[in-house]
PDB file of N, CA and C in Angstrom:
ATOM      1  N   MET A   1      32.838  26.625  -1.236  1.00  0.00           N
ATOM      2  CA  MET A   1      31.581  26.217  -1.171  1.00  0.00           C
ATOM      3  C   MET A   1      30.704  26.454   0.118  1.00  0.00           C
ATOM      4  N   SER A   2      29.475  27.198  -0.071  1.00  0.00           N
ATOM      5  CA  SER A   2      28.858  27.380   1.165  1.00  0.00           C
ATOM      6  C   SER A   2      28.009  25.966   1.665  1.00  0.00           C
ATOM      7  N   VAL A   3      27.639  26.159   2.978  1.00  0.00           N
ATOM      8  CA  VAL A   3      26.731  25.040   3.481  1.00  0.00           C
ATOM      9  C   VAL A   3      25.604  24.755   2.720  1.00  0.00           C
ATOM     10  N   ILE A   4      24.793  26.176   2.370  1.00  0.00           N
ATOM     11  CA  ILE A   4      23.602  26.163   1.585  1.00  0.00           C
ATOM     12  C   ILE A   4      23.912  25.431   0.210  1.00  0.00           C
ATOM     13  N   ASN A   5      24.817  25.625  -0.262  1.00  0.00           N
ATOM     14  CA  ASN A   5      25.170  25.050  -1.650  1.00  0.00           C
ATOM     15  C   ASN A   5      25.197  23.601  -1.515  1.00  0.00           C
ATOM     16  N   MET A   6      25.809  23.016  -0.543  1.00  0.00           N
ATOM     17  CA  MET A   6      26.298  21.766  -0.372  1.00  0.00           C
ATOM     18  C   MET A   6      24.916  20.780  -0.106  1.00  0.00           C
ATOM     19  N   ILE A   7      23.959  21.700   0.627  1.00  0.00           N
ATOM     20  CA  ILE A   7      22.780  21.006   0.945  1.00  0.00           C
ATOM     21  C   ILE A   7      21.812  20.941  -0.137  1.00  0.00           C
ATOM     22  N   GLY A   8      21.917  21.926  -0.948  1.00  0.00           N
ATOM     23  CA  GLY A   8      21.186  21.940  -2.465  1.00  0.00           C
ATOM     24  C   GLY A   8      21.686  20.799  -3.353  1.00  0.00           C
ATOM     25  N   ILE A   9      22.941  20.808  -3.420  1.00  0.00           N
ATOM     26  CA  ILE A   9      23.527  19.572  -4.211  1.00  0.00           C
ATOM     27  C   ILE A   9      23.082  18.314  -3.785  1.00  0.00           C
ATOM     28  N   PHE A  10      23.220  18.038  -2.577  1.00  0.00           N
ATOM     29  CA  PHE A  10      22.856  16.958  -1.831  1.00  0.00           C
ATOM     30  C   PHE A  10      21.201  16.664  -2.066  1.00  0.00           C
ATOM     31  N   LEU A  11      20.547  17.568  -1.981  1.00  0.00           N
ATOM     32  CA  LEU A  11      19.028  17.393  -2.299  1.00  0.00           C
ATOM     33  C   LEU A  11      18.737  16.985  -3.645  1.00  0.00           C
ATOM     34  N   ALA A  12      19.417  17.656  -4.612  1.00  0.00           N
ATOM     35  CA  ALA A  12      19.089  17.437  -5.945  1.00  0.00           C
ATOM     36  C   ALA A  12      19.529  15.812  -6.295  1.00  0.00           C
ATOM     37  N   ILE A  13      20.720  15.474  -5.880  1.00  0.00           N
ATOM     38  CA  ILE A  13      21.076  14.073  -5.928  1.00  0.00           C
ATOM     39  C   ILE A  13      20.249  13.065  -5.137  1.00  0.00           C
ATOM     40  N   ALA A  14      19.547  13.391  -4.126  1.00  0.00           N
ATOM     41  CA  ALA A  14      18.763  12.558  -3.321  1.00  0.00           C
ATOM     42  C   ALA A  14      17.520  12.457  -4.159  1.00  0.00           C
ATOM     43  N   LEU A  15      17.009  13.507  -4.570  1.00  0.00           N
ATOM     44  CA  LEU A  15      15.623  13.689  -5.198  1.00  0.00           C
ATOM     45  C   LEU A  15      15.713  12.817  -6.592  1.00  0.00           C
ATOM     46  N   LEU A  16      16.870  13.015  -7.180  1.00  0.00           N
ATOM     47  CA  LEU A  16      17.225  12.279  -8.554  1.00  0.00           C
ATOM     48  C   LEU A  16      17.165  10.604  -8.220  1.00  0.00           C
ATOM     49  N   ALA A  17      17.975  10.347  -7.254  1.00  0.00           N
ATOM     50  CA  ALA A  17      17.868   8.917  -6.737  1.00  0.00           C
ATOM     51  C   ALA A  17      16.509   8.391  -6.478  1.00  0.00           C
ATOM     52  N   LEU A  18      15.865   9.067  -5.556  1.00  0.00           N
ATOM     53  CA  LEU A  18      14.640   8.734  -5.252  1.00  0.00           C
ATOM     54  C   LEU A  18      13.717   8.568  -6.457  1.00  0.00           C
ATOM     55  N   SER A  19      13.719   9.319  -7.381  1.00  0.00           N
ATOM     56  CA  SER A  19      12.895   9.292  -8.488  1.00  0.00           C
ATOM     57  C   SER A  19      13.320   8.273  -9.327  1.00  0.00           C
ATOM     58  N   LEU A  20      14.618   8.005  -9.482  1.00  0.00           N
ATOM     59  CA  LEU A  20      14.950   6.711 -10.325  1.00  0.00           C
ATOM     60  C   LEU A  20      14.710   5.308  -9.641  1.00  0.00           C
ATOM     61  N   PHE A  21      14.487   5.253  -8.473  1.00  0.00           N
ATOM     62  CA  PHE A  21      14.130   4.123  -7.997  1.00  0.00           C
ATOM     63  C   PHE A  21      12.619   3.990  -7.657  1.00  0.00           C
ATOM     64  N   ASN A  22      11.925   4.759  -8.060  1.00  0.00           N
ATOM     65  CA  ASN A  22      10.372   4.675  -8.015  1.00  0.00           C
ATOM     66  C   ASN A  22       9.918   4.883  -6.516  1.00  0.00           C
ATOM     67  N   VAL A  23      10.535   5.690  -5.686  1.00  0.00           N
ATOM     68  CA  VAL A  23      10.169   5.759  -4.405  1.00  0.00           C
ATOM     69  C   VAL A  23       8.801   6.657  -4.401  1.00  0.00           C
ATOM     70  N   SER A  24       7.894   6.367  -3.375  1.00  0.00           N
ATOM     71  CA  SER A  24       6.551   7.022  -3.300  1.00  0.00           C
ATOM     72  C   SER A  24       6.759   8.435  -3.214  1.00  0.00           C
ATOM     73  N   LEU A  25       5.781   9.315  -3.739  1.00  0.00           N
ATOM     74  CA  LEU A  25       5.890  10.722  -3.555  1.00  0.00           C
ATOM     75  C   LEU A  25       5.928  11.265  -2.283  1.00  0.00           C
ATOM     76  N   SER A  26       5.330  10.407  -1.503  1.00  0.00           N
ATOM     77  CA  SER A  26       5.377  11.106   0.044  1.00  0.00           C
ATOM     78  C   SER A  26       6.626  11.010   0.635  1.00  0.00           C
ATOM     79  N   LYS A  27       7.607  10.104   0.249  1.00  0.00           N
ATOM     80  CA  LYS A  27       8.919   9.992   0.826  1.00  0.00           C
ATOM     81  C   LYS A  27       9.569  10.950   0.215  1.00  0.00           C
ATOM     82  N   ILE A  28       9.433  11.197  -1.032  1.00  0.00           N
ATOM     83  CA  ILE A  28      10.094  12.356  -1.806  1.00  0.00           C
ATOM     84  C   ILE A  28       9.827  13.719  -1.233  1.00  0.00           C
ATOM     85  N   ILE A  29       8.721  14.012  -0.727  1.00  0.00           N
ATOM     86  CA  ILE A  29       8.183  15.194  -0.106  1.00  0.00           C
ATOM     87  C   ILE A  29       8.759  15.387   1.246  1.00  0.00           C
ATOM     88  N   ILE A  30       8.862  14.158   1.991  1.00  0.00           N
ATOM     89  CA  ILE A  30       9.364  14.215   3.449  1.00  0.00           C
ATOM     90  C   ILE A  30      10.827  14.510   3.362  1.00  0.00           C
ATOM     91  N   VAL A  31      11.517  14.114   2.241  1.00  0.00           N
ATOM     92  CA  VAL A  31      13.051  14.216   2.084  1.00  0.00           C
ATOM     93  C   VAL A  31      13.302  15.746   1.759  1.00  0.00           C
ATOM     94  N   LEU A  32      12.485  16.350   0.923  1.00  0.00           N
ATOM     95  CA  LEU A  32      12.149  17.896   0.566  1.00  0.00           C
ATOM     96  C   LEU A  32      12.087  18.631   1.998  1.00  0.00           C
ATOM     97  N   PHE A  33      11.081  18.177   2.573  1.00  0.00           N
ATOM     98  CA  PHE A  33      10.813  18.820   3.942  1.00  0.00           C
ATOM     99  C   PHE A  33      11.993  18.782   4.837  1.00  0.00           C
ATOM    100  N   ILE A  34      12.666  17.692   5.077  1.00  0.00           N
ATOM    101  CA  ILE A  34      13.971  17.543   5.869  1.00  0.00           C
ATOM    102  C   ILE A  34      15.085  18.553   5.385  1.00  0.00           C
ATOM    103  N   SER A  35      15.148  18.506   4.068  1.00  0.00           N
ATOM    104  CA  SER A  35      16.396  19.534   3.535  1.00  0.00           C
ATOM    105  C   SER A  35      16.058  20.841   3.657  1.00  0.00           C
ATOM    106  N   SER A  36      14.547  21.365   3.611  1.00  0.00           N
ATOM    107  CA  SER A  36      14.247  22.674   4.041  1.00  0.00           C
ATOM    108  C   SER A  36      14.537  22.884   5.470  1.00  0.00           C
ATOM    109  N   LEU A  37      14.162  21.912   6.163  1.00  0.00           N
ATOM    110  CA  LEU A  37      14.620  22.207   7.869  1.00  0.00           C
ATOM    111  C   LEU A  37      15.911  22.320   7.920  1.00  0.00           C
ATOM    112  N   GLY A  38      16.813  21.517   7.329  1.00  0.00           N
ATOM    113  CA  GLY A  38      18.451  21.933   7.344  1.00  0.00           C
ATOM    114  C   GLY A  38      18.716  22.997   6.925  1.00  0.00           C
ATOM    115  N   LEU A  39      18.257  23.704   5.759  1.00  0.00           N
ATOM    116  CA  LEU A  39      18.347  24.982   5.245  1.00  0.00           C
ATOM    117  C   LEU A  39      18.094  26.069   6.422  1.00  0.00           C
ATOM    118  N   PHE A  40      17.000  25.723   6.985  1.00  0.00           N
ATOM    119  CA  PHE A  40      16.387  26.794   7.889  1.00  0.00           C
ATOM    120  C   PHE A  40      17.486  26.849   9.138  1.00  0.00           C
ATOM    121  N   VAL A  41      17.689  25.862   9.523  1.00  0.00           N
ATOM    122  CA  VAL A  41      19.007  25.542  10.653  1.00  0.00           C
ATOM    123  C   VAL A  41      20.119  26.495  10.468  1.00  0.00           C
ATOM    124  N   VAL A  42      20.498  26.137   9.144  1.00  0.00           N
ATOM    125  CA  VAL A  42      21.865  26.866   8.790  1.00  0.00           C
ATOM    126  C   VAL A  42      21.708  28.157   8.582  1.00  0.00           C
ATOM    127  N   ARG A  43      20.813  28.869   8.122  1.00  0.00           N
ATOM    128  CA  ARG A  43      20.378  30.215   8.035  1.00  0.00           C
ATOM    129  C   ARG A  43      20.149  30.875   9.374  1.00  0.00           C
ATOM    130  N   VAL A  44      19.541  30.183  10.261  1.00  0.00           N
ATOM    131  CA  VAL A  44      19.492  30.747  11.480  1.00  0.00           C
ATOM    132  C   VAL A  44      20.836  30.638  12.548  1.00  0.00           C
ATOM    133  N   THR A  45      21.418  29.684  12.469  1.00  0.00           N
ATOM    134  CA  THR A  45      22.800  29.654  13.222  1.00  0.00           C
ATOM    135  C   THR A  45      23.811  30.206  12.717  1.00  0.00           C
ATOM    136  N   ILE A  46      24.113  29.697  11.213  1.00  0.00           N
ATOM    137  CA  ILE A  46      25.421  30.054  10.576  1.00  0.00           C
ATOM    138  C   ILE A  46      25.451  31.592  10.104  1.00  0.00           C
ATOM    139  N   GLU A  47      24.380  31.527   9.292  1.00  0.00           N
ATOM    140  CA  GLU A  47      24.217  33.087   8.695  1.00  0.00           C
ATOM    141  C   GLU A  47      23.405  34.100   9.496  1.00  0.00           C
ATOM    142  N   HIS A  48      23.099  33.899  10.683  1.00  0.00           N
ATOM    143  CA  HIS A  48      22.483  34.743  11.731  1.00  0.00           C
ATOM    144  C   HIS A  48      21.215  35.621  11.154  1.00  0.00           C
ATOM    145  N   LYS A  49      20.515  34.782  10.198  1.00  0.00           N
ATOM    146  CA  LYS A  49      19.239  35.641   9.684  1.00  0.00           C
ATOM    147  C   LYS A  49      18.323  35.662  10.859  1.00  0.00           C
ATOM    148  N   ASP A  50      17.331  36.609  10.703  1.00  0.00           N
ATOM    149  CA  ASP A  50      16.238  36.397  11.732  1.00  0.00           C
ATOM    150  C   ASP A  50      15.304  35.410  11.321  1.00  0.00           C
ATOM    151  N   PHE A  51      14.533  34.882  12.479  1.00  0.00           N
ATOM    152  CA  PHE A  51      13.664  33.613  12.386  1.00  0.00           C
ATOM    153  C   PHE A  51      12.733  33.600  11.059  1.00  0.00           C
ATOM    154  N   PHE A  52      11.994  34.858  11.036  1.00  0.00           N
ATOM    155  CA  PHE A  52      10.967  35.180   9.994  1.00  0.00           C
ATOM    156  C   PHE A  52      11.665  34.728   8.673  1.00  0.00           C
ATOM    157  N   ASN A  53      12.849  35.486   8.149  1.00  0.00           N
ATOM    158  CA  ASN A  53      13.221  35.588   6.941  1.00  0.00           C
ATOM    159  C   ASN A  53      13.874  34.342   6.623  1.00  0.00           C
ATOM    160  N   ALA A  54      14.462  33.596   7.619  1.00  0.00           N
ATOM    161  CA  ALA A  54      15.062  32.195   7.620  1.00  0.00           C
ATOM    162  C   ALA A  54      13.925  31.315   7.195  1.00  0.00           C
ATOM    163  N   PHE A  55      12.903  31.327   7.875  1.00  0.00           N
ATOM    164  CA  PHE A  55      11.876  30.463   7.441  1.00  0.00           C
ATOM    165  C   PHE A  55      11.258  30.678   6.126  1.00  0.00           C
ATOM    166  N   ILE A  56      11.114  31.686   5.802  1.00  0.00           N
ATOM    167  CA  ILE A  56      10.451  32.173   4.380  1.00  0.00           C
ATOM    168  C   ILE A  56      11.347  31.668   3.436  1.00  0.00           C
ATOM    169  N   ASN A  57      12.611  31.982   3.492  1.00  0.00           N
ATOM    170  CA  ASN A  57      13.840  31.659   2.541  1.00  0.00           C
ATOM    171  C   ASN A  57      13.840  30.159   2.370  1.00  0.00           C
ATOM    172  N   SER A  58      13.816  29.450   3.346  1.00  0.00           N
ATOM    173  CA  SER A  58      13.989  27.892   3.644  1.00  0.00           C
ATOM    174  C   SER A  58      12.941  27.031   3.008  1.00  0.00           C
ATOM    175  N   PHE A  59      11.577  27.601   3.510  1.00  0.00           N
ATOM    176  CA  PHE A  59      10.374  26.755   3.265  1.00  0.00           C
ATOM    177  C   PHE A  59       9.623  27.368   2.197  1.00  0.00           C
ATOM    178  N   GLY A  60       9.599  26.711   1.118  1.00  0.00           N
ATOM    179  CA  GLY A  60       8.935  27.364  -0.114  1.00  0.00           C
ATOM    180  C   GLY A  60       7.374  27.136   0.313  1.00  0.00           C
ATOM    181  N   LEU A  61       6.411  27.798  -0.486  1.00  0.00           N
ATOM    182  CA  LEU A  61       5.002  27.497  -0.420  1.00  0.00           C
ATOM    183  C   LEU A  61       4.638  26.046  -0.654  1.00  0.00           C
ATOM    184  N   MET A  62       5.234  25.710  -1.963  1.00  0.00           N
ATOM    185  CA  MET A  62       4.991  24.239  -2.423  1.00  0.00           C
ATOM    186  C   MET A  62       5.322  23.279  -1.330  1.00  0.00           C
ATOM    187  N   THR A  63       6.550  23.443  -0.621  1.00  0.00           N
ATOM    188  CA  THR A  63       6.948  22.481   0.129  1.00  0.00           C
ATOM    189  C   THR A  63       6.068  22.410   1.499  1.00  0.00           C
ATOM    190  N   MET A  64       5.471  23.442   1.852  1.00  0.00           N
ATOM    191  CA  MET A  64       4.771  23.353   3.042  1.00  0.00           C
ATOM    192  C   MET A  64       3.085  22.876   2.542  1.00  0.00           C
ATOM    193  N   ILE A  65       2.872  23.263   1.310  1.00  0.00           N
ATOM    194  CA  ILE A  65       1.608  22.741   1.040  1.00  0.00           C
ATOM    195  C   ILE A  65       1.642  21.163   0.820  1.00  0.00           C
ATOM    196  N   SER A  66       2.737  20.718   0.205  1.00  0.00           N
ATOM    197  CA  SER A  66       2.783  19.266  -0.155  1.00  0.00           C
ATOM    198  C   SER A  66       3.107  18.489   1.172  1.00  0.00           C
ATOM    199  N   PHE A  67       3.844  19.002   2.053  1.00  0.00           N
ATOM    200  CA  PHE A  67       3.937  18.275   3.458  1.00  0.00           C
ATOM    201  C   PHE A  67       2.470  18.213   4.216  1.00  0.00           C
ATOM    202  N   VAL A  68       1.715  19.471   4.138  1.00  0.00           N
ATOM    203  CA  VAL A  68       0.262  19.106   4.730  1.00  0.00           C
ATOM    204  C   VAL A  68      -0.448  18.142   3.976  1.00  0.00           C
ATOM    205  N   VAL A  69      -0.330  18.153   2.783  1.00  0.00           N
ATOM    206  CA  VAL A  69      -0.967  17.098   1.943  1.00  0.00           C
ATOM    207  C   VAL A  69      -0.654  15.495   2.271  1.00  0.00           C
ATOM    208  N   VAL A  70       0.720  15.305   2.461  1.00  0.00           N
ATOM    209  CA  VAL A  70       1.152  14.279   2.872  1.00  0.00           C
ATOM    210  C   VAL A  70       0.805  13.773   4.164  1.00  0.00           C
ATOM    211  N   ILE A  71       0.547  14.608   5.105  1.00  0.00           N
ATOM    212  CA  ILE A  71       0.258  14.535   6.472  1.00  0.00           C
ATOM    213  C   ILE A  71      -1.276  14.084   6.359  1.00  0.00           C
ATOM    214  N   ILE A  72      -2.044  14.732   5.671  1.00  0.00           N
ATOM    215  CA  ILE A  72      -3.420  14.590   5.643  1.00  0.00           C
ATOM    216  C   ILE A  72      -3.705  13.143   5.197  1.00  0.00           C
ATOM    217  N   ASN A  73      -2.959  12.768   3.992  1.00  0.00           N
ATOM    218  CA  ASN A  73      -3.106  11.450   3.215  1.00  0.00           C
ATOM    219  C   ASN A  73      -2.767  10.436   4.343  1.00  0.00           C
ATOM    220  N   PHE A  74      -1.827  10.513   5.034  1.00  0.00           N
ATOM    221  CA  PHE A  74      -1.354   9.585   6.029  1.00  0.00           C
ATOM    222  C   PHE A  74      -2.269   9.344   7.054  1.00  0.00           C
ATOM    223  N   TYR A  75      -2.876  10.363   7.650  1.00  0.00           N
ATOM    224  CA  TYR A  75      -3.755  10.136   8.827  1.00  0.00           C
ATOM    225  C   TYR A  75      -5.069   9.631   8.066  1.00  0.00           C
ATOM    226  N   LYS A  76      -5.569  10.030   6.959  1.00  0.00           N
ATOM    227  CA  LYS A  76      -6.695   9.331   6.301  1.00  0.00           C
ATOM    228  C   LYS A  76      -6.490   7.874   6.077  1.00  0.00           C
ATOM    229  N   LYS A  77      -5.339   7.432   5.514  1.00  0.00           N
ATOM    230  CA  LYS A  77      -5.094   6.024   5.502  1.00  0.00           C
ATOM    231  C   LYS A  77      -5.251   5.207   6.613  1.00  0.00           C
ATOM    232  N   ARG A  78      -4.473   5.903   7.703  1.00  0.00           N
ATOM    233  CA  ARG A  78      -4.526   5.356   9.014  1.00  0.00           C
ATOM    234  C   ARG A  78      -5.843   5.236   9.540  1.00  0.00           C
ATOM    235  N   SER A  79      -6.731   6.225   9.545  1.00  0.00           N
ATOM    236  CA  SER A  79      -8.002   5.954   9.908  1.00  0.00           C
ATOM    237  C   SER A  79      -8.878   4.913   9.178  1.00  0.00           C
ATOM    238  N   LEU A  80      -8.572   4.768   7.933  1.00  0.00           N
ATOM    239  CA  LEU A  80      -9.375   3.701   7.117  1.00  0.00           C
ATOM    240  C   LEU A  80      -8.893   2.288   7.433  1.00  0.00           C
ATOM    241  N   GLU A  81      -7.537   2.339   7.880  1.00  0.00           N
ATOM    242  CA  GLU A  81      -7.072   0.917   8.248  1.00  0.00           C
ATOM    243  C   GLU A  81      -7.564   0.575   9.635  1.00  0.00           C
ATOM    244  N   ASN A  82      -7.779   1.534  10.583  1.00  0.00           N
ATOM    245  CA  ASN A  82      -8.252   1.518  11.775  1.00  0.00           C
ATOM    246  C   ASN A  82      -9.962   1.023  11.644  1.00  0.00           C
ATOM    247  N   SER A  83     -10.454   1.628  10.852  1.00  0.00           N
ATOM    248  CA  SER A  83     -11.953   1.412  10.675  1.00  0.00           C
ATOM    249  C   SER A  83     -12.219  -0.079  10.324  1.00  0.00           C
ATOM    250  N   GLU A  84     -11.343  -0.331   9.390  1.00  0.00           N
ATOM    251  CA  GLU A  84     -11.581  -1.755   8.592  1.00  0.00           C
ATOM    252  C   GLU A  84     -11.090  -2.891   9.768  1.00  0.00           C
ATOM    253  N   LYS A  85     -10.353  -2.885  10.693  1.00  0.00           N
ATOM    254  CA  LYS A  85      -9.836  -3.655  11.709  1.00  0.00           C
ATOM    255  C   LYS A  85     -11.010  -3.820  12.843  1.00  0.00           C
ATOM    256  N   GLN A  86     -11.682  -3.024  12.882  1.00  0.00           N
ATOM    257  CA  GLN A  86     -12.856  -2.944  13.930  1.00  0.00           C
ATOM    258  C   GLN A  86     -14.328  -3.574  13.314  1.00  0.00           C
TER     259      GLN A  86
END
């Protein structure tokens, strides 16, 4: 079994567990991003793919969009909390 398949199986189990325990969507997306980062590292180091192809194959469009949305939401909540404190 290849490392990429093992990461995929681990990701599926982790996402299923997170959804069963009603974890917030932002934490699920962060787990998805970390697994994509792991896939990227494996593809660059073990499979010796070039940087661009490894990036494209590891990070899907939806992963990147959802991660950006989570970051924007995080900073939005943080700025609202800071403005309420002042």
